[in-house]
Amino acid sequence: MKRYLPLIALTLVIACNKQEKPVVAGDANHGKQLIDQYGCTACHVIPGITGKGMVGPSLDHIATRQIIAVSIPNSPQNMQVYIQNPQMANPQNVMPNLGVKPDEARDITAYLYTLK
């Protein structure tokens, strides 16, 4: 039994540190096209998309952040809602409401969740 303790301890550490991956529906490739179409890189640096965003934060590693938009828990559902209506989170938010449709927000979120 004593020789199995390290293996049991390692298994417990891995199990405790393993976070569930969020389920992200949508077409990431289409989302990448939409990000370009909506001109998101005018404000944000987004890996994999050409642009020089210097107004908003870089979206590098956005999928692994705990929060988005300063105070919103990062989940695919929250990100989709935020992309559709940034002022709902904060009326003074400088991110413009671009009229992104729900299916487009889903695809954009799918791409952003590839940025780990």
PDB file of N, CA and C in Angstrom:
ATOM      1  N   MET A   1       0.821  -1.198   0.000  1.00  0.00           N
ATOM      2  CA  MET A   1       0.000   0.000   0.000  1.00  0.00           C
ATOM      3  C   MET A   1       0.862   1.258   0.000  1.00  0.00           C
ATOM      4  N   LYS A   2       1.965   1.219   0.761  1.00  0.00           N
ATOM      5  CA  LYS A   2       2.821   2.393   0.893  1.00  0.00           C
ATOM      6  C   LYS A   2       3.396   2.825  -0.457  1.00  0.00           C
ATOM      7  N   ARG A   3       3.727   1.864  -1.299  1.00  0.00           N
ATOM      8  CA  ARG A   3       4.320   2.222  -2.589  1.00  0.00           C
ATOM      9  C   ARG A   3       3.286   2.826  -3.543  1.00  0.00           C
ATOM     10  N   TYR A   4       1.998   2.668  -3.271  1.00  0.00           N
ATOM     11  CA  TYR A   4       0.955   3.222  -4.134  1.00  0.00           C
ATOM     12  C   TYR A   4       0.538   4.641  -3.721  1.00  0.00           C
ATOM     13  N   LEU A   5       0.951   5.082  -2.546  1.00  0.00           N
ATOM     14  CA  LEU A   5       0.563   6.407  -2.069  1.00  0.00           C
ATOM     15  C   LEU A   5       0.962   7.530  -3.025  1.00  0.00           C
ATOM     16  N   PRO A   6       2.187   7.548  -3.556  1.00  0.00           N
ATOM     17  CA  PRO A   6       2.522   8.618  -4.503  1.00  0.00           C
ATOM     18  C   PRO A   6       1.606   8.617  -5.736  1.00  0.00           C
ATOM     19  N   LEU A   7       1.274   7.448  -6.223  1.00  0.00           N
ATOM     20  CA  LEU A   7       0.392   7.354  -7.383  1.00  0.00           C
ATOM     21  C   LEU A   7      -1.012   7.843  -7.046  1.00  0.00           C
ATOM     22  N   ILE A   8      -1.509   7.474  -5.879  1.00  0.00           N
ATOM     23  CA  ILE A   8      -2.829   7.931  -5.447  1.00  0.00           C
ATOM     24  C   ILE A   8      -2.820   9.443  -5.262  1.00  0.00           C
ATOM     25  N   ALA A   9      -1.776   9.979  -4.639  1.00  0.00           N
ATOM     26  CA  ALA A   9      -1.676  11.423  -4.430  1.00  0.00           C
ATOM     27  C   ALA A   9      -1.631  12.162  -5.765  1.00  0.00           C
ATOM     28  N   LEU A  10      -0.863  11.657  -6.712  1.00  0.00           N
ATOM     29  CA  LEU A  10      -0.773  12.282  -8.024  1.00  0.00           C
ATOM     30  C   LEU A  10      -2.131  12.270  -8.727  1.00  0.00           C
ATOM     31  N   THR A  11      -2.837  11.165  -8.638  1.00  0.00           N
ATOM     32  CA  THR A  11      -4.158  11.056  -9.243  1.00  0.00           C
ATOM     33  C   THR A  11      -5.112  12.082  -8.651  1.00  0.00           C
ATOM     34  N   LEU A  12      -5.072  12.248  -7.323  1.00  0.00           N
ATOM     35  CA  LEU A  12      -5.941  13.229  -6.670  1.00  0.00           C
ATOM     36  C   LEU A  12      -5.597  14.655  -7.083  1.00  0.00           C
ATOM     37  N   VAL A  13      -4.323  14.977  -7.176  1.00  0.00           N
ATOM     38  CA  VAL A  13      -3.910  16.319  -7.599  1.00  0.00           C
ATOM     39  C   VAL A  13      -4.400  16.602  -9.011  1.00  0.00           C
ATOM     40  N   ILE A  14      -4.230  15.659  -9.901  1.00  0.00           N
ATOM     41  CA  ILE A  14      -4.676  15.850 -11.283  1.00  0.00           C
ATOM     42  C   ILE A  14      -6.185  16.022 -11.324  1.00  0.00           C
ATOM     43  N   ALA A  15      -6.917  15.201 -10.590  1.00  0.00           N
ATOM     44  CA  ALA A  15      -8.373  15.280 -10.586  1.00  0.00           C
ATOM     45  C   ALA A  15      -8.849  16.604 -10.016  1.00  0.00           C
ATOM     46  N   CYS A  16      -8.202  17.096  -8.963  1.00  0.00           N
ATOM     47  CA  CYS A  16      -8.617  18.358  -8.353  1.00  0.00           C
ATOM     48  C   CYS A  16      -8.287  19.555  -9.225  1.00  0.00           C
ATOM     49  N   ASN A  17      -7.202  19.489  -9.973  1.00  0.00           N
ATOM     50  CA  ASN A  17      -6.792  20.606 -10.820  1.00  0.00           C
ATOM     51  C   ASN A  17      -7.451  20.594 -12.186  1.00  0.00           C
ATOM     52  N   LYS A  18      -8.091  19.507 -12.512  1.00  0.00           N
ATOM     53  CA  LYS A  18      -8.702  19.398 -13.832  1.00  0.00           C
ATOM     54  C   LYS A  18      -9.974  20.233 -13.867  1.00  0.00           C
ATOM     55  N   GLN A  19      -9.988  21.235 -14.711  1.00  0.00           N
ATOM     56  CA  GLN A  19     -11.166  22.078 -14.848  1.00  0.00           C
ATOM     57  C   GLN A  19     -11.979  21.599 -16.030  1.00  0.00           C
ATOM     58  N   GLU A  20     -13.295  21.674 -15.872  1.00  0.00           N
ATOM     59  CA  GLU A  20     -14.148  21.292 -16.986  1.00  0.00           C
ATOM     60  C   GLU A  20     -13.994  22.325 -18.091  1.00  0.00           C
ATOM     61  N   LYS A  21     -13.855  21.840 -19.306  1.00  0.00           N
ATOM     62  CA  LYS A  21     -13.748  22.740 -20.440  1.00  0.00           C
ATOM     63  C   LYS A  21     -15.154  23.168 -20.838  1.00  0.00           C
ATOM     64  N   PRO A  22     -15.350  24.470 -21.064  1.00  0.00           N
ATOM     65  CA  PRO A  22     -16.686  24.905 -21.455  1.00  0.00           C
ATOM     66  C   PRO A  22     -17.044  24.375 -22.841  1.00  0.00           C
ATOM     67  N   VAL A  23     -18.304  24.084 -22.994  1.00  0.00           N
ATOM     68  CA  VAL A  23     -18.794  23.645 -24.297  1.00  0.00           C
ATOM     69  C   VAL A  23     -19.044  24.893 -25.134  1.00  0.00           C
ATOM     70  N   VAL A  24     -18.365  24.976 -26.257  1.00  0.00           N
ATOM     71  CA  VAL A  24     -18.496  26.137 -27.122  1.00  0.00           C
ATOM     72  C   VAL A  24     -19.066  25.679 -28.461  1.00  0.00           C
ATOM     73  N   ALA A  25     -20.281  26.091 -28.719  1.00  0.00           N
ATOM     74  CA  ALA A  25     -20.900  25.788 -30.010  1.00  0.00           C
ATOM     75  C   ALA A  25     -20.458  26.858 -30.998  1.00  0.00           C
ATOM     76  N   GLY A  26     -20.612  26.589 -32.264  1.00  0.00           N
ATOM     77  CA  GLY A  26     -20.308  27.607 -33.263  1.00  0.00           C
ATOM     78  C   GLY A  26     -19.186  27.195 -34.184  1.00  0.00           C
ATOM     79  N   ASP A  27     -19.017  27.993 -35.211  1.00  0.00           N
ATOM     80  CA  ASP A  27     -18.028  27.759 -36.254  1.00  0.00           C
ATOM     81  C   ASP A  27     -16.893  28.760 -36.080  1.00  0.00           C
ATOM     82  N   ALA A  28     -15.783  28.287 -35.516  1.00  0.00           N
ATOM     83  CA  ALA A  28     -14.648  29.175 -35.232  1.00  0.00           C
ATOM     84  C   ALA A  28     -14.095  29.825 -36.495  1.00  0.00           C
ATOM     85  N   ASN A  29     -14.061  29.097 -37.608  1.00  0.00           N
ATOM     86  CA  ASN A  29     -13.545  29.681 -38.859  1.00  0.00           C
ATOM     87  C   ASN A  29     -14.431  30.824 -39.327  1.00  0.00           C
ATOM     88  N   HIS A  30     -15.741  30.635 -39.232  1.00  0.00           N
ATOM     89  CA  HIS A  30     -16.656  31.720 -39.600  1.00  0.00           C
ATOM     90  C   HIS A  30     -16.512  32.882 -38.622  1.00  0.00           C
ATOM     91  N   GLY A  31     -16.316  32.550 -37.340  1.00  0.00           N
ATOM     92  CA  GLY A  31     -16.113  33.589 -36.332  1.00  0.00           C
ATOM     93  C   GLY A  31     -14.904  34.453 -36.640  1.00  0.00           C
ATOM     94  N   LYS A  32     -13.830  33.823 -37.094  1.00  0.00           N
ATOM     95  CA  LYS A  32     -12.623  34.567 -37.473  1.00  0.00           C
ATOM     96  C   LYS A  32     -12.928  35.529 -38.619  1.00  0.00           C
ATOM     97  N   GLN A  33     -13.699  35.077 -39.588  1.00  0.00           N
ATOM     98  CA  GLN A  33     -14.101  35.939 -40.711  1.00  0.00           C
ATOM     99  C   GLN A  33     -14.961  37.101 -40.215  1.00  0.00           C
ATOM    100  N   LEU A  34     -15.868  36.814 -39.292  1.00  0.00           N
ATOM    101  CA  LEU A  34     -16.741  37.865 -38.758  1.00  0.00           C
ATOM    102  C   LEU A  34     -15.952  38.903 -37.968  1.00  0.00           C
ATOM    103  N   ILE A  35     -14.967  38.458 -37.214  1.00  0.00           N
ATOM    104  CA  ILE A  35     -14.120  39.390 -36.466  1.00  0.00           C
ATOM    105  C   ILE A  35     -13.450  40.362 -37.431  1.00  0.00           C
ATOM    106  N   ASP A  36     -12.973  39.839 -38.549  1.00  0.00           N
ATOM    107  CA  ASP A  36     -12.358  40.687 -39.570  1.00  0.00           C
ATOM    108  C   ASP A  36     -13.407  41.605 -40.201  1.00  0.00           C
ATOM    109  N   GLN A  37     -14.566  41.052 -40.517  1.00  0.00           N
ATOM    110  CA  GLN A  37     -15.647  41.814 -41.157  1.00  0.00           C
ATOM    111  C   GLN A  37     -16.128  42.962 -40.269  1.00  0.00           C
ATOM    112  N   TYR A  38     -16.285  42.710 -38.990  1.00  0.00           N
ATOM    113  CA  TYR A  38     -16.755  43.747 -38.068  1.00  0.00           C
ATOM    114  C   TYR A  38     -15.650  44.718 -37.660  1.00  0.00           C
ATOM    115  N   GLY A  39     -14.424  44.450 -38.047  1.00  0.00           N
ATOM    116  CA  GLY A  39     -13.318  45.364 -37.763  1.00  0.00           C
ATOM    117  C   GLY A  39     -12.888  45.378 -36.310  1.00  0.00           C
ATOM    118  N   CYS A  40     -13.003  44.254 -35.646  1.00  0.00           N
ATOM    119  CA  CYS A  40     -12.658  44.180 -34.223  1.00  0.00           C
ATOM    120  C   CYS A  40     -11.190  44.522 -33.952  1.00  0.00           C
ATOM    121  N   THR A  41     -10.332  44.284 -34.955  1.00  0.00           N
ATOM    122  CA  THR A  41      -8.904  44.569 -34.759  1.00  0.00           C
ATOM    123  C   THR A  41      -8.593  46.060 -34.859  1.00  0.00           C
ATOM    124  N   ALA A  42      -9.588  46.871 -35.127  1.00  0.00           N
ATOM    125  CA  ALA A  42      -9.379  48.316 -35.055  1.00  0.00           C
ATOM    126  C   ALA A  42      -9.108  48.711 -33.602  1.00  0.00           C
ATOM    127  N   CYS A  43      -9.655  47.940 -32.677  1.00  0.00           N
ATOM    128  CA  CYS A  43      -9.466  48.232 -31.255  1.00  0.00           C
ATOM    129  C   CYS A  43      -8.671  47.161 -30.505  1.00  0.00           C
ATOM    130  N   HIS A  44      -8.816  45.902 -30.904  1.00  0.00           N
ATOM    131  CA  HIS A  44      -8.196  44.796 -30.172  1.00  0.00           C
ATOM    132  C   HIS A  44      -7.093  44.114 -30.982  1.00  0.00           C
ATOM    133  N   VAL A  45      -6.050  43.693 -30.310  1.00  0.00           N
ATOM    134  CA  VAL A  45      -5.087  42.771 -30.899  1.00  0.00           C
ATOM    135  C   VAL A  45      -5.694  41.387 -30.716  1.00  0.00           C
ATOM    136  N   ILE A  46      -5.854  40.676 -31.834  1.00  0.00           N
ATOM    137  CA  ILE A  46      -6.471  39.352 -31.790  1.00  0.00           C
ATOM    138  C   ILE A  46      -5.559  38.384 -32.535  1.00  0.00           C
ATOM    139  N   PRO A  47      -4.971  37.436 -31.818  1.00  0.00           N
ATOM    140  CA  PRO A  47      -4.079  36.475 -32.465  1.00  0.00           C
ATOM    141  C   PRO A  47      -4.749  35.785 -33.654  1.00  0.00           C
ATOM    142  N   GLY A  48      -3.986  35.685 -34.733  1.00  0.00           N
ATOM    143  CA  GLY A  48      -4.480  35.018 -35.934  1.00  0.00           C
ATOM    144  C   GLY A  48      -5.204  35.937 -36.895  1.00  0.00           C
ATOM    145  N   ILE A  49      -5.387  37.208 -36.504  1.00  0.00           N
ATOM    146  CA  ILE A  49      -6.091  38.165 -37.352  1.00  0.00           C
ATOM    147  C   ILE A  49      -5.242  39.427 -37.436  1.00  0.00           C
ATOM    148  N   THR A  50      -4.997  39.884 -38.640  1.00  0.00           N
ATOM    149  CA  THR A  50      -4.162  41.061 -38.855  1.00  0.00           C
ATOM    150  C   THR A  50      -4.856  42.316 -38.362  1.00  0.00           C
ATOM    151  N   GLY A  51      -4.149  43.124 -37.643  1.00  0.00           N
ATOM    152  CA  GLY A  51      -4.675  44.392 -37.156  1.00  0.00           C
ATOM    153  C   GLY A  51      -3.745  44.973 -36.118  1.00  0.00           C
ATOM    154  N   LYS A  52      -3.977  46.229 -35.789  1.00  0.00           N
ATOM    155  CA  LYS A  52      -3.113  46.918 -34.825  1.00  0.00           C
ATOM    156  C   LYS A  52      -3.940  47.567 -33.730  1.00  0.00           C
ATOM    157  N   GLY A  53      -4.883  46.848 -33.195  1.00  0.00           N
ATOM    158  CA  GLY A  53      -5.749  47.408 -32.162  1.00  0.00           C
ATOM    159  C   GLY A  53      -4.981  48.023 -31.019  1.00  0.00           C
ATOM    160  N   MET A  54      -5.343  49.262 -30.675  1.00  0.00           N
ATOM    161  CA  MET A  54      -4.623  49.957 -29.616  1.00  0.00           C
ATOM    162  C   MET A  54      -5.575  50.625 -28.635  1.00  0.00           C
ATOM    163  N   VAL A  55      -6.863  50.318 -28.739  1.00  0.00           N
ATOM    164  CA  VAL A  55      -7.833  50.955 -27.843  1.00  0.00           C
ATOM    165  C   VAL A  55      -8.259  49.986 -26.741  1.00  0.00           C
ATOM    166  N   GLY A  56      -8.748  48.828 -27.147  1.00  0.00           N
ATOM    167  CA  GLY A  56      -9.198  47.821 -26.192  1.00  0.00           C
ATOM    168  C   GLY A  56      -8.064  46.882 -25.830  1.00  0.00           C
ATOM    169  N   PRO A  57      -8.333  45.985 -24.887  1.00  0.00           N
ATOM    170  CA  PRO A  57      -7.297  45.037 -24.471  1.00  0.00           C
ATOM    171  C   PRO A  57      -7.007  43.993 -25.546  1.00  0.00           C
ATOM    172  N   SER A  58      -5.816  43.442 -25.492  1.00  0.00           N
ATOM    173  CA  SER A  58      -5.480  42.309 -26.349  1.00  0.00           C
ATOM    174  C   SER A  58      -6.373  41.141 -25.948  1.00  0.00           C
ATOM    175  N   LEU A  59      -6.808  40.374 -26.931  1.00  0.00           N
ATOM    176  CA  LEU A  59      -7.657  39.218 -26.647  1.00  0.00           C
ATOM    177  C   LEU A  59      -6.856  37.922 -26.644  1.00  0.00           C
ATOM    178  N   ASP A  60      -5.538  38.050 -26.596  1.00  0.00           N
ATOM    179  CA  ASP A  60      -4.674  36.876 -26.476  1.00  0.00           C
ATOM    180  C   ASP A  60      -5.022  36.154 -25.175  1.00  0.00           C
ATOM    181  N   HIS A  61      -5.177  34.878 -25.229  1.00  0.00           N
ATOM    182  CA  HIS A  61      -5.513  34.033 -24.072  1.00  0.00           C
ATOM    183  C   HIS A  61      -6.881  34.353 -23.462  1.00  0.00           C
ATOM    184  N   ILE A  62      -7.783  34.939 -24.221  1.00  0.00           N
ATOM    185  CA  ILE A  62      -9.110  35.298 -23.695  1.00  0.00           C
ATOM    186  C   ILE A  62      -9.859  34.063 -23.189  1.00  0.00           C
ATOM    187  N   ALA A  63      -9.631  32.915 -23.807  1.00  0.00           N
ATOM    188  CA  ALA A  63     -10.364  31.704 -23.412  1.00  0.00           C
ATOM    189  C   ALA A  63      -9.993  31.222 -22.010  1.00  0.00           C
ATOM    190  N   THR A  64      -8.829  31.602 -21.533  1.00  0.00           N
ATOM    191  CA  THR A  64      -8.387  31.118 -20.225  1.00  0.00           C
ATOM    192  C   THR A  64      -8.536  32.165 -19.117  1.00  0.00           C
ATOM    193  N   ARG A  65      -9.050  33.322 -19.446  1.00  0.00           N
ATOM    194  CA  ARG A  65      -9.233  34.359 -18.425  1.00  0.00           C
ATOM    195  C   ARG A  65     -10.461  34.046 -17.575  1.00  0.00           C
ATOM    196  N   GLN A  66     -10.419  34.457 -16.342  1.00  0.00           N
ATOM    197  CA  GLN A  66     -11.528  34.217 -15.420  1.00  0.00           C
ATOM    198  C   GLN A  66     -12.697  35.174 -15.654  1.00  0.00           C
ATOM    199  N   ILE A  67     -12.372  36.416 -16.055  1.00  0.00           N
ATOM    200  CA  ILE A  67     -13.422  37.405 -16.289  1.00  0.00           C
ATOM    201  C   ILE A  67     -13.211  38.086 -17.626  1.00  0.00           C
ATOM    202  N   ILE A  68     -14.286  38.650 -18.150  1.00  0.00           N
ATOM    203  CA  ILE A  68     -14.223  39.482 -19.350  1.00  0.00           C
ATOM    204  C   ILE A  68     -14.893  40.809 -19.024  1.00  0.00           C
ATOM    205  N   ALA A  69     -14.557  41.822 -19.771  1.00  0.00           N
ATOM    206  CA  ALA A  69     -15.174  43.148 -19.610  1.00  0.00           C
ATOM    207  C   ALA A  69     -15.144  43.617 -18.154  1.00  0.00           C
ATOM    208  N   VAL A  70     -14.032  43.448 -17.512  1.00  0.00           N
ATOM    209  CA  VAL A  70     -13.731  43.922 -16.164  1.00  0.00           C
ATOM    210  C   VAL A  70     -14.426  43.129 -15.047  1.00  0.00           C
ATOM    211  N   SER A  71     -15.664  42.672 -15.254  1.00  0.00           N
ATOM    212  CA  SER A  71     -16.359  42.063 -14.117  1.00  0.00           C
ATOM    213  C   SER A  71     -17.273  40.884 -14.455  1.00  0.00           C
ATOM    214  N   ILE A  72     -17.324  40.453 -15.694  1.00  0.00           N
ATOM    215  CA  ILE A  72     -18.248  39.394 -16.088  1.00  0.00           C
ATOM    216  C   ILE A  72     -17.516  38.051 -16.060  1.00  0.00           C
ATOM    217  N   PRO A  73     -18.074  37.053 -15.368  1.00  0.00           N
ATOM    218  CA  PRO A  73     -17.449  35.723 -15.397  1.00  0.00           C
ATOM    219  C   PRO A  73     -17.341  35.216 -16.833  1.00  0.00           C
ATOM    220  N   ASN A  74     -16.177  34.712 -17.172  1.00  0.00           N
ATOM    221  CA  ASN A  74     -15.925  34.266 -18.544  1.00  0.00           C
ATOM    222  C   ASN A  74     -16.569  32.904 -18.783  1.00  0.00           C
ATOM    223  N   SER A  75     -17.594  32.914 -19.604  1.00  0.00           N
ATOM    224  CA  SER A  75     -18.239  31.690 -20.075  1.00  0.00           C
ATOM    225  C   SER A  75     -18.663  31.947 -21.508  1.00  0.00           C
ATOM    226  N   PRO A  76     -18.836  30.911 -22.303  1.00  0.00           N
ATOM    227  CA  PRO A  76     -19.276  31.129 -23.683  1.00  0.00           C
ATOM    228  C   PRO A  76     -20.591  31.913 -23.758  1.00  0.00           C
ATOM    229  N   GLN A  77     -21.524  31.606 -22.867  1.00  0.00           N
ATOM    230  CA  GLN A  77     -22.809  32.292 -22.893  1.00  0.00           C
ATOM    231  C   GLN A  77     -22.653  33.775 -22.565  1.00  0.00           C
ATOM    232  N   ASN A  78     -21.871  34.083 -21.527  1.00  0.00           N
ATOM    233  CA  ASN A  78     -21.655  35.484 -21.157  1.00  0.00           C
ATOM    234  C   ASN A  78     -20.932  36.238 -22.262  1.00  0.00           C
ATOM    235  N   MET A  79     -19.952  35.586 -22.892  1.00  0.00           N
ATOM    236  CA  MET A  79     -19.220  36.248 -23.963  1.00  0.00           C
ATOM    237  C   MET A  79     -20.143  36.555 -25.141  1.00  0.00           C
ATOM    238  N   GLN A  80     -20.993  35.629 -25.487  1.00  0.00           N
ATOM    239  CA  GLN A  80     -21.922  35.851 -26.599  1.00  0.00           C
ATOM    240  C   GLN A  80     -22.835  37.041 -26.313  1.00  0.00           C
ATOM    241  N   VAL A  81     -23.388  37.095 -25.122  1.00  0.00           N
ATOM    242  CA  VAL A  81     -24.278  38.204 -24.751  1.00  0.00           C
ATOM    243  C   VAL A  81     -23.517  39.520 -24.776  1.00  0.00           C
ATOM    244  N   TYR A  82     -22.299  39.517 -24.243  1.00  0.00           N
ATOM    245  CA  TYR A  82     -21.488  40.732 -24.205  1.00  0.00           C
ATOM    246  C   TYR A  82     -21.159  41.220 -25.617  1.00  0.00           C
ATOM    247  N   ILE A  83     -20.806  40.318 -26.504  1.00  0.00           N
ATOM    248  CA  ILE A  83     -20.480  40.702 -27.880  1.00  0.00           C
ATOM    249  C   ILE A  83     -21.692  41.344 -28.553  1.00  0.00           C
ATOM    250  N   GLN A  84     -22.875  40.850 -28.250  1.00  0.00           N
ATOM    251  CA  GLN A  84     -24.089  41.398 -28.848  1.00  0.00           C
ATOM    252  C   GLN A  84     -24.469  42.764 -28.277  1.00  0.00           C
ATOM    253  N   ASN A  85     -24.207  42.969 -26.982  1.00  0.00           N
ATOM    254  CA  ASN A  85     -24.614  44.223 -26.353  1.00  0.00           C
ATOM    255  C   ASN A  85     -23.648  44.601 -25.237  1.00  0.00           C
ATOM    256  N   PRO A  86     -22.506  45.209 -25.599  1.00  0.00           N
ATOM    257  CA  PRO A  86     -21.488  45.551 -24.601  1.00  0.00           C
ATOM    258  C   PRO A  86     -21.975  46.533 -23.529  1.00  0.00           C
ATOM    259  N   GLN A  87     -22.932  47.396 -23.876  1.00  0.00           N
ATOM    260  CA  GLN A  87     -23.399  48.391 -22.914  1.00  0.00           C
ATOM    261  C   GLN A  87     -24.266  47.778 -21.813  1.00  0.00           C
ATOM    262  N   MET A  88     -24.745  46.561 -22.008  1.00  0.00           N
ATOM    263  CA  MET A  88     -25.539  45.920 -20.966  1.00  0.00           C
ATOM    264  C   MET A  88     -24.679  45.703 -19.721  1.00  0.00           C
ATOM    265  N   ALA A  89     -23.416  45.395 -19.903  1.00  0.00           N
ATOM    266  CA  ALA A  89     -22.515  45.181 -18.776  1.00  0.00           C
ATOM    267  C   ALA A  89     -22.146  46.509 -18.118  1.00  0.00           C
ATOM    268  N   ASN A  90     -21.980  47.527 -18.929  1.00  0.00           N
ATOM    269  CA  ASN A  90     -21.588  48.831 -18.430  1.00  0.00           C
ATOM    270  C   ASN A  90     -22.041  49.885 -19.441  1.00  0.00           C
ATOM    271  N   PRO A  91     -23.002  50.709 -19.087  1.00  0.00           N
ATOM    272  CA  PRO A  91     -23.516  51.711 -20.039  1.00  0.00           C
ATOM    273  C   PRO A  91     -22.451  52.673 -20.567  1.00  0.00           C
ATOM    274  N   GLN A  92     -21.373  52.900 -19.814  1.00  0.00           N
ATOM    275  CA  GLN A  92     -20.293  53.779 -20.279  1.00  0.00           C
ATOM    276  C   GLN A  92     -19.224  53.039 -21.073  1.00  0.00           C
ATOM    277  N   ASN A  93     -19.437  51.780 -21.337  1.00  0.00           N
ATOM    278  CA  ASN A  93     -18.483  50.970 -22.085  1.00  0.00           C
ATOM    279  C   ASN A  93     -18.201  51.622 -23.440  1.00  0.00           C
ATOM    280  N   VAL A  94     -16.927  51.714 -23.805  1.00  0.00           N
ATOM    281  CA  VAL A  94     -16.580  52.333 -25.081  1.00  0.00           C
ATOM    282  C   VAL A  94     -16.638  51.349 -26.247  1.00  0.00           C
ATOM    283  N   MET A  95     -16.785  50.053 -25.943  1.00  0.00           N
ATOM    284  CA  MET A  95     -16.929  49.092 -27.036  1.00  0.00           C
ATOM    285  C   MET A  95     -18.298  49.331 -27.683  1.00  0.00           C
ATOM    286  N   PRO A  96     -18.306  49.593 -28.979  1.00  0.00           N
ATOM    287  CA  PRO A  96     -19.584  49.904 -29.631  1.00  0.00           C
ATOM    288  C   PRO A  96     -20.464  48.677 -29.811  1.00  0.00           C
ATOM    289  N   ASN A  97     -21.759  48.919 -29.809  1.00  0.00           N
ATOM    290  CA  ASN A  97     -22.713  47.869 -30.159  1.00  0.00           C
ATOM    291  C   ASN A  97     -22.745  47.831 -31.680  1.00  0.00           C
ATOM    292  N   LEU A  98     -22.231  46.778 -32.257  1.00  0.00           N
ATOM    293  CA  LEU A  98     -22.101  46.667 -33.712  1.00  0.00           C
ATOM    294  C   LEU A  98     -23.278  45.947 -34.365  1.00  0.00           C
ATOM    295  N   GLY A  99     -24.285  45.598 -33.575  1.00  0.00           N
ATOM    296  CA  GLY A  99     -25.436  44.898 -34.135  1.00  0.00           C
ATOM    297  C   GLY A  99     -25.138  43.451 -34.493  1.00  0.00           C
ATOM    298  N   VAL A 100     -24.252  42.828 -33.750  1.00  0.00           N
ATOM    299  CA  VAL A 100     -23.886  41.432 -33.999  1.00  0.00           C
ATOM    300  C   VAL A 100     -25.090  40.551 -33.669  1.00  0.00           C
ATOM    301  N   LYS A 101     -25.460  39.701 -34.608  1.00  0.00           N
ATOM    302  CA  LYS A 101     -26.600  38.800 -34.430  1.00  0.00           C
ATOM    303  C   LYS A 101     -26.202  37.629 -33.531  1.00  0.00           C
ATOM    304  N   PRO A 102     -27.190  36.974 -32.890  1.00  0.00           N
ATOM    305  CA  PRO A 102     -26.869  35.865 -31.979  1.00  0.00           C
ATOM    306  C   PRO A 102     -26.024  34.756 -32.605  1.00  0.00           C
ATOM    307  N   ASP A 103     -26.335  34.345 -33.821  1.00  0.00           N
ATOM    308  CA  ASP A 103     -25.545  33.278 -34.447  1.00  0.00           C
ATOM    309  C   ASP A 103     -24.132  33.744 -34.767  1.00  0.00           C
ATOM    310  N   GLU A 104     -23.970  35.024 -35.085  1.00  0.00           N
ATOM    311  CA  GLU A 104     -22.631  35.578 -35.329  1.00  0.00           C
ATOM    312  C   GLU A 104     -21.830  35.647 -34.026  1.00  0.00           C
ATOM    313  N   ALA A 105     -22.495  36.062 -32.949  1.00  0.00           N
ATOM    314  CA  ALA A 105     -21.822  36.120 -31.644  1.00  0.00           C
ATOM    315  C   ALA A 105     -21.373  34.726 -31.216  1.00  0.00           C
ATOM    316  N   ARG A 106     -22.174  33.716 -31.513  1.00  0.00           N
ATOM    317  CA  ARG A 106     -21.812  32.331 -31.187  1.00  0.00           C
ATOM    318  C   ARG A 106     -20.541  31.933 -31.935  1.00  0.00           C
ATOM    319  N   ASP A 107     -20.462  32.281 -33.242  1.00  0.00           N
ATOM    320  CA  ASP A 107     -19.287  31.920 -34.039  1.00  0.00           C
ATOM    321  C   ASP A 107     -18.053  32.717 -33.625  1.00  0.00           C
ATOM    322  N   ILE A 108     -18.236  33.997 -33.317  1.00  0.00           N
ATOM    323  CA  ILE A 108     -17.114  34.820 -32.836  1.00  0.00           C
ATOM    324  C   ILE A 108     -16.593  34.251 -31.514  1.00  0.00           C
ATOM    325  N   THR A 109     -17.504  33.891 -30.631  1.00  0.00           N
ATOM    326  CA  THR A 109     -17.120  33.286 -29.357  1.00  0.00           C
ATOM    327  C   THR A 109     -16.361  31.984 -29.588  1.00  0.00           C
ATOM    328  N   ALA A 110     -16.818  31.187 -30.544  1.00  0.00           N
ATOM    329  CA  ALA A 110     -16.124  29.924 -30.854  1.00  0.00           C
ATOM    330  C   ALA A 110     -14.680  30.204 -31.252  1.00  0.00           C
ATOM    331  N   TYR A 111     -14.443  31.259 -32.046  1.00  0.00           N
ATOM    332  CA  TYR A 111     -13.062  31.586 -32.412  1.00  0.00           C
ATOM    333  C   TYR A 111     -12.287  32.082 -31.185  1.00  0.00           C
ATOM    334  N   LEU A 112     -12.880  32.981 -30.424  1.00  0.00           N
ATOM    335  CA  LEU A 112     -12.175  33.530 -29.269  1.00  0.00           C
ATOM    336  C   LEU A 112     -11.822  32.447 -28.257  1.00  0.00           C
ATOM    337  N   TYR A 113     -12.629  31.413 -28.181  1.00  0.00           N
ATOM    338  CA  TYR A 113     -12.328  30.307 -27.272  1.00  0.00           C
ATOM    339  C   TYR A 113     -11.231  29.373 -27.801  1.00  0.00           C
ATOM    340  N   THR A 114     -10.736  29.638 -28.989  1.00  0.00           N
ATOM    341  CA  THR A 114      -9.546  28.909 -29.444  1.00  0.00           C
ATOM    342  C   THR A 114      -8.273  29.589 -28.954  1.00  0.00           C
ATOM    343  N   LEU A 115      -8.402  30.790 -28.407  1.00  0.00           N
ATOM    344  CA  LEU A 115      -7.249  31.581 -27.971  1.00  0.00           C
ATOM    345  C   LEU A 115      -6.927  31.271 -26.514  1.00  0.00           C
ATOM    346  N   LYS A 116      -6.175  30.199 -26.315  1.00  0.00           N
ATOM    347  CA  LYS A 116      -5.890  29.734 -24.949  1.00  0.00           C
ATOM    348  C   LYS A 116      -4.530  30.139 -24.477  1.00  0.00           C
TER     349      LYS A 116
END
